[in-house]
Amino acid sequence: MEFTLELPVSDKIPFIGIEIVKSGTRLETQVYRKPTNPGLLVQFHSHTDKPYKDSLLKTMLHCAAEAFNLERDKLCSIFCCLDYPRVLIDSIISNFLPNVS
């Protein structure tokens, strides 16, 4: 096992899929993607089961709850580029919205 040490840059530090941001005396979180992240995910027209594809989008939305508005737009763009039907994306997002706190 190998450990690395991340030091904050501009009051931000990545930590297990989130970025912790120091804002005055508060700490805030947002979704973190490595700069090298190519955004590769399962294409909608692949032979993967539909429940898995639905769950993939739902899981990513749950991870994005802290910065939902910004992340929702980014995820819509990503999944549209993967040929996911916009009606499916909008449906899953609208079902997710009541769960966002």
N, C-alpha and C. Protein backbone atom coordinates (compact mmCIF):
# COMPACT_ATOMS: atom_id res chain seq x y z
N MET A 1 0.85 -1.16 0.00
CA MET A 1 0.00 0.00 0.00
C MET A 1 0.91 1.23 0.00
N GLU A 2 0.46 2.24 -0.73
CA GLU A 2 1.25 3.45 -0.84
C GLU A 2 0.38 4.65 -0.51
N PHE A 3 0.89 5.58 0.28
CA PHE A 3 0.16 6.77 0.65
C PHE A 3 0.84 7.99 0.05
N THR A 4 0.03 8.98 -0.28
CA THR A 4 0.57 10.24 -0.78
C THR A 4 0.03 11.38 0.09
N LEU A 5 0.70 12.51 0.04
CA LEU A 5 0.29 13.67 0.80
C LEU A 5 -0.12 14.76 -0.17
N GLU A 6 -1.36 15.23 -0.03
CA GLU A 6 -1.85 16.33 -0.86
C GLU A 6 -1.80 17.60 -0.03
N LEU A 7 -1.24 18.63 -0.57
CA LEU A 7 -1.22 19.93 0.10
C LEU A 7 -2.24 20.84 -0.55
N PRO A 8 -2.88 21.71 0.24
CA PRO A 8 -3.88 22.60 -0.35
C PRO A 8 -3.26 23.59 -1.33
N VAL A 9 -4.01 23.87 -2.39
CA VAL A 9 -3.62 24.88 -3.37
C VAL A 9 -4.80 25.84 -3.48
N SER A 10 -4.56 27.12 -3.25
CA SER A 10 -5.62 28.14 -3.29
C SER A 10 -6.78 27.78 -2.36
N ASP A 11 -6.45 27.31 -1.16
CA ASP A 11 -7.45 26.93 -0.16
C ASP A 11 -8.36 25.80 -0.61
N LYS A 12 -7.87 24.94 -1.52
CA LYS A 12 -8.62 23.78 -1.99
C LYS A 12 -7.74 22.54 -1.88
N ILE A 13 -8.37 21.41 -1.51
CA ILE A 13 -7.64 20.14 -1.45
C ILE A 13 -8.56 19.00 -1.88
N PRO A 14 -8.12 18.15 -2.82
CA PRO A 14 -8.95 17.01 -3.24
C PRO A 14 -8.89 15.90 -2.19
N PHE A 15 -10.04 15.21 -2.01
CA PHE A 15 -10.08 14.11 -1.04
C PHE A 15 -11.19 13.14 -1.44
N ILE A 16 -10.82 11.97 -1.93
CA ILE A 16 -11.73 10.87 -2.27
C ILE A 16 -12.99 11.34 -3.02
N GLY A 17 -12.80 11.91 -4.20
CA GLY A 17 -13.92 12.27 -5.05
C GLY A 17 -14.57 13.60 -4.74
N ILE A 18 -14.10 14.28 -3.69
CA ILE A 18 -14.63 15.60 -3.39
C ILE A 18 -13.46 16.58 -3.29
N GLU A 19 -13.76 17.83 -3.37
CA GLU A 19 -12.75 18.85 -3.15
C GLU A 19 -13.22 19.67 -1.95
N ILE A 20 -12.36 19.81 -0.97
CA ILE A 20 -12.69 20.57 0.22
C ILE A 20 -12.14 21.98 0.00
N VAL A 21 -13.02 22.96 0.18
CA VAL A 21 -12.67 24.36 -0.09
C VAL A 21 -12.82 25.16 1.20
N LYS A 22 -11.76 25.87 1.58
CA LYS A 22 -11.84 26.74 2.75
C LYS A 22 -12.39 28.09 2.30
N SER A 23 -13.52 28.46 2.86
CA SER A 23 -14.18 29.72 2.52
C SER A 23 -14.33 30.52 3.81
N GLY A 24 -13.39 31.39 4.10
CA GLY A 24 -13.39 32.10 5.37
C GLY A 24 -13.12 31.12 6.49
N THR A 25 -14.07 31.01 7.43
CA THR A 25 -13.92 30.04 8.52
C THR A 25 -14.71 28.76 8.26
N ARG A 26 -15.34 28.65 7.09
CA ARG A 26 -16.15 27.48 6.73
C ARG A 26 -15.40 26.56 5.78
N LEU A 27 -15.75 25.29 5.81
CA LEU A 27 -15.27 24.33 4.83
C LEU A 27 -16.46 23.92 3.99
N GLU A 28 -16.30 23.96 2.68
CA GLU A 28 -17.35 23.55 1.75
C GLU A 28 -16.81 22.42 0.90
N THR A 29 -17.71 21.65 0.31
CA THR A 29 -17.28 20.55 -0.56
C THR A 29 -17.92 20.70 -1.93
N GLN A 30 -17.24 20.14 -2.90
CA GLN A 30 -17.77 20.06 -4.25
C GLN A 30 -17.20 18.81 -4.90
N VAL A 31 -17.79 18.39 -5.99
CA VAL A 31 -17.32 17.20 -6.70
C VAL A 31 -15.93 17.49 -7.24
N TYR A 32 -15.03 16.51 -7.11
CA TYR A 32 -13.67 16.66 -7.63
C TYR A 32 -13.41 15.64 -8.73
N ARG A 33 -12.91 16.11 -9.83
CA ARG A 33 -12.44 15.24 -10.91
C ARG A 33 -10.99 15.60 -11.19
N LYS A 34 -10.18 14.58 -11.29
CA LYS A 34 -8.78 14.84 -11.61
C LYS A 34 -8.69 15.54 -12.96
N PRO A 35 -7.70 16.40 -13.13
CA PRO A 35 -7.53 17.08 -14.42
C PRO A 35 -7.35 16.09 -15.58
N THR A 36 -6.88 14.88 -15.27
CA THR A 36 -6.66 13.86 -16.30
C THR A 36 -7.90 13.01 -16.57
N ASN A 37 -9.02 13.27 -15.88
CA ASN A 37 -10.24 12.50 -16.06
C ASN A 37 -10.77 12.71 -17.49
N PRO A 38 -10.83 11.64 -18.29
CA PRO A 38 -11.30 11.78 -19.67
C PRO A 38 -12.83 11.77 -19.79
N GLY A 39 -13.55 11.53 -18.68
CA GLY A 39 -15.00 11.51 -18.73
C GLY A 39 -15.57 10.27 -19.40
N LEU A 40 -14.81 9.20 -19.42
CA LEU A 40 -15.28 7.97 -20.07
C LEU A 40 -16.26 7.22 -19.18
N LEU A 41 -17.44 6.98 -19.71
CA LEU A 41 -18.48 6.24 -19.01
C LEU A 41 -19.16 5.31 -20.02
N VAL A 42 -20.13 4.55 -19.57
CA VAL A 42 -20.84 3.60 -20.42
C VAL A 42 -21.73 4.35 -21.42
N GLN A 43 -21.56 4.07 -22.70
CA GLN A 43 -22.44 4.64 -23.74
C GLN A 43 -23.84 4.06 -23.55
N PHE A 44 -24.87 4.87 -23.81
CA PHE A 44 -26.24 4.40 -23.63
C PHE A 44 -26.56 3.23 -24.56
N HIS A 45 -26.02 3.25 -25.76
CA HIS A 45 -26.34 2.20 -26.74
C HIS A 45 -25.44 0.98 -26.62
N SER A 46 -24.71 0.87 -25.50
CA SER A 46 -23.88 -0.31 -25.28
C SER A 46 -24.78 -1.48 -24.87
N HIS A 47 -24.19 -2.64 -24.71
CA HIS A 47 -24.94 -3.84 -24.34
C HIS A 47 -25.07 -3.99 -22.83
N THR A 48 -24.80 -2.94 -22.11
CA THR A 48 -24.95 -2.96 -20.65
C THR A 48 -26.43 -2.86 -20.29
N ASP A 49 -26.84 -3.55 -19.24
CA ASP A 49 -28.25 -3.54 -18.82
C ASP A 49 -28.71 -2.12 -18.49
N LYS A 50 -29.96 -1.81 -18.86
CA LYS A 50 -30.52 -0.48 -18.62
C LYS A 50 -30.54 -0.12 -17.14
N PRO A 51 -30.90 -1.04 -16.21
CA PRO A 51 -30.87 -0.66 -14.79
C PRO A 51 -29.48 -0.17 -14.34
N TYR A 52 -28.42 -0.77 -14.89
CA TYR A 52 -27.08 -0.31 -14.55
C TYR A 52 -26.86 1.12 -15.04
N LYS A 53 -27.28 1.39 -16.28
CA LYS A 53 -27.10 2.72 -16.85
C LYS A 53 -27.91 3.76 -16.06
N ASP A 54 -29.12 3.41 -15.66
CA ASP A 54 -29.92 4.32 -14.83
C ASP A 54 -29.21 4.57 -13.50
N SER A 55 -28.69 3.50 -12.90
CA SER A 55 -28.01 3.62 -11.61
C SER A 55 -26.74 4.44 -11.70
N LEU A 56 -26.06 4.34 -12.83
CA LEU A 56 -24.83 5.13 -13.02
C LEU A 56 -25.15 6.61 -12.93
N LEU A 57 -26.17 7.04 -13.64
CA LEU A 57 -26.57 8.45 -13.60
C LEU A 57 -27.04 8.85 -12.20
N LYS A 58 -27.85 8.01 -11.56
CA LYS A 58 -28.34 8.31 -10.21
C LYS A 58 -27.19 8.42 -9.22
N THR A 59 -26.23 7.50 -9.30
CA THR A 59 -25.09 7.52 -8.38
C THR A 59 -24.28 8.80 -8.55
N MET A 60 -24.04 9.19 -9.78
CA MET A 60 -23.27 10.40 -10.02
C MET A 60 -24.03 11.64 -9.54
N LEU A 61 -25.34 11.62 -9.66
CA LEU A 61 -26.15 12.74 -9.15
C LEU A 61 -26.08 12.81 -7.63
N HIS A 62 -26.11 11.65 -6.95
CA HIS A 62 -25.99 11.65 -5.49
C HIS A 62 -24.63 12.19 -5.06
N CYS A 63 -23.59 11.85 -5.80
CA CYS A 63 -22.25 12.37 -5.48
C CYS A 63 -22.20 13.88 -5.68
N ALA A 64 -23.05 14.39 -6.52
CA ALA A 64 -23.02 15.81 -6.86
C ALA A 64 -23.96 16.67 -6.02
N ALA A 65 -24.58 16.09 -5.00
CA ALA A 65 -25.61 16.81 -4.25
C ALA A 65 -25.13 18.15 -3.68
N GLU A 66 -23.89 18.24 -3.27
CA GLU A 66 -23.38 19.48 -2.67
C GLU A 66 -23.36 20.64 -3.67
N ALA A 67 -22.98 20.36 -4.88
CA ALA A 67 -22.90 21.41 -5.90
C ALA A 67 -23.87 21.07 -7.03
N PHE A 68 -25.12 20.79 -6.65
CA PHE A 68 -26.07 20.18 -7.58
C PHE A 68 -26.29 20.98 -8.86
N ASN A 69 -26.53 22.26 -8.76
CA ASN A 69 -26.87 23.02 -9.97
C ASN A 69 -25.75 23.00 -10.99
N LEU A 70 -24.52 23.24 -10.55
CA LEU A 70 -23.39 23.22 -11.49
C LEU A 70 -23.15 21.82 -12.02
N GLU A 71 -23.20 20.85 -11.13
CA GLU A 71 -22.91 19.48 -11.53
C GLU A 71 -24.01 18.91 -12.42
N ARG A 72 -25.28 19.27 -12.16
CA ARG A 72 -26.39 18.79 -12.98
C ARG A 72 -26.17 19.18 -14.44
N ASP A 73 -25.80 20.44 -14.67
CA ASP A 73 -25.57 20.89 -16.04
C ASP A 73 -24.41 20.14 -16.69
N LYS A 74 -23.35 19.92 -15.92
CA LYS A 74 -22.19 19.19 -16.46
C LYS A 74 -22.57 17.74 -16.78
N LEU A 75 -23.32 17.10 -15.87
CA LEU A 75 -23.73 15.71 -16.11
C LEU A 75 -24.69 15.61 -17.28
N CYS A 76 -25.59 16.58 -17.43
CA CYS A 76 -26.49 16.58 -18.60
C CYS A 76 -25.68 16.61 -19.88
N SER A 77 -24.69 17.47 -19.91
CA SER A 77 -23.84 17.59 -21.10
C SER A 77 -23.08 16.28 -21.37
N ILE A 78 -22.50 15.70 -20.31
CA ILE A 78 -21.74 14.45 -20.46
C ILE A 78 -22.63 13.33 -20.99
N PHE A 79 -23.81 13.14 -20.37
CA PHE A 79 -24.68 12.04 -20.77
C PHE A 79 -25.34 12.28 -22.13
N CYS A 80 -25.57 13.54 -22.50
CA CYS A 80 -26.07 13.85 -23.86
C CYS A 80 -25.02 13.46 -24.90
N CYS A 81 -23.75 13.73 -24.60
CA CYS A 81 -22.66 13.35 -25.51
C CYS A 81 -22.54 11.83 -25.64
N LEU A 82 -23.02 11.09 -24.63
CA LEU A 82 -22.98 9.63 -24.66
C LEU A 82 -24.26 9.05 -25.27
N ASP A 83 -25.08 9.92 -25.90
CA ASP A 83 -26.31 9.53 -26.58
C ASP A 83 -27.42 9.05 -25.64
N TYR A 84 -27.35 9.41 -24.34
CA TYR A 84 -28.47 9.11 -23.45
C TYR A 84 -29.63 10.00 -23.88
N PRO A 85 -30.84 9.46 -23.97
CA PRO A 85 -31.98 10.30 -24.35
C PRO A 85 -32.21 11.41 -23.32
N ARG A 86 -32.42 12.62 -23.81
CA ARG A 86 -32.63 13.76 -22.92
C ARG A 86 -33.83 13.54 -22.00
N VAL A 87 -34.86 12.85 -22.52
CA VAL A 87 -36.04 12.59 -21.70
C VAL A 87 -35.69 11.70 -20.51
N LEU A 88 -34.78 10.73 -20.68
CA LEU A 88 -34.34 9.87 -19.58
C LEU A 88 -33.55 10.70 -18.57
N ILE A 89 -32.63 11.51 -19.04
CA ILE A 89 -31.82 12.35 -18.16
C ILE A 89 -32.73 13.26 -17.33
N ASP A 90 -33.65 13.95 -18.00
CA ASP A 90 -34.56 14.88 -17.31
C ASP A 90 -35.44 14.14 -16.31
N SER A 91 -35.89 12.94 -16.67
CA SER A 91 -36.76 12.16 -15.79
C SER A 91 -36.02 11.76 -14.52
N ILE A 92 -34.79 11.26 -14.67
CA ILE A 92 -34.02 10.83 -13.51
C ILE A 92 -33.67 12.03 -12.64
N ILE A 93 -33.32 13.15 -13.27
CA ILE A 93 -33.00 14.35 -12.49
C ILE A 93 -34.24 14.84 -11.74
N SER A 94 -35.39 14.86 -12.38
CA SER A 94 -36.61 15.35 -11.69
C SER A 94 -37.00 14.41 -10.55
N ASN A 95 -36.76 13.10 -10.70
CA ASN A 95 -37.02 12.16 -9.61
C ASN A 95 -36.00 12.32 -8.48
N PHE A 96 -34.82 12.78 -8.81
CA PHE A 96 -33.76 12.97 -7.83
C PHE A 96 -33.97 14.25 -7.03
N LEU A 97 -34.51 15.29 -7.66
CA LEU A 97 -34.65 16.60 -7.02
C LEU A 97 -35.29 16.59 -5.64
N PRO A 98 -36.38 15.83 -5.39
CA PRO A 98 -36.96 15.86 -4.05
C PRO A 98 -36.00 15.34 -2.97
N ASN A 99 -34.98 14.56 -3.37
CA ASN A 99 -34.04 14.00 -2.41
C ASN A 99 -32.88 14.93 -2.09
N VAL A 100 -32.76 16.02 -2.85
CA VAL A 100 -31.66 16.96 -2.63
C VAL A 100 -32.01 17.83 -1.44
N SER A 101 -31.09 17.92 -0.48
CA SER A 101 -31.37 18.77 0.69
C SER A 101 -30.65 20.10 0.59
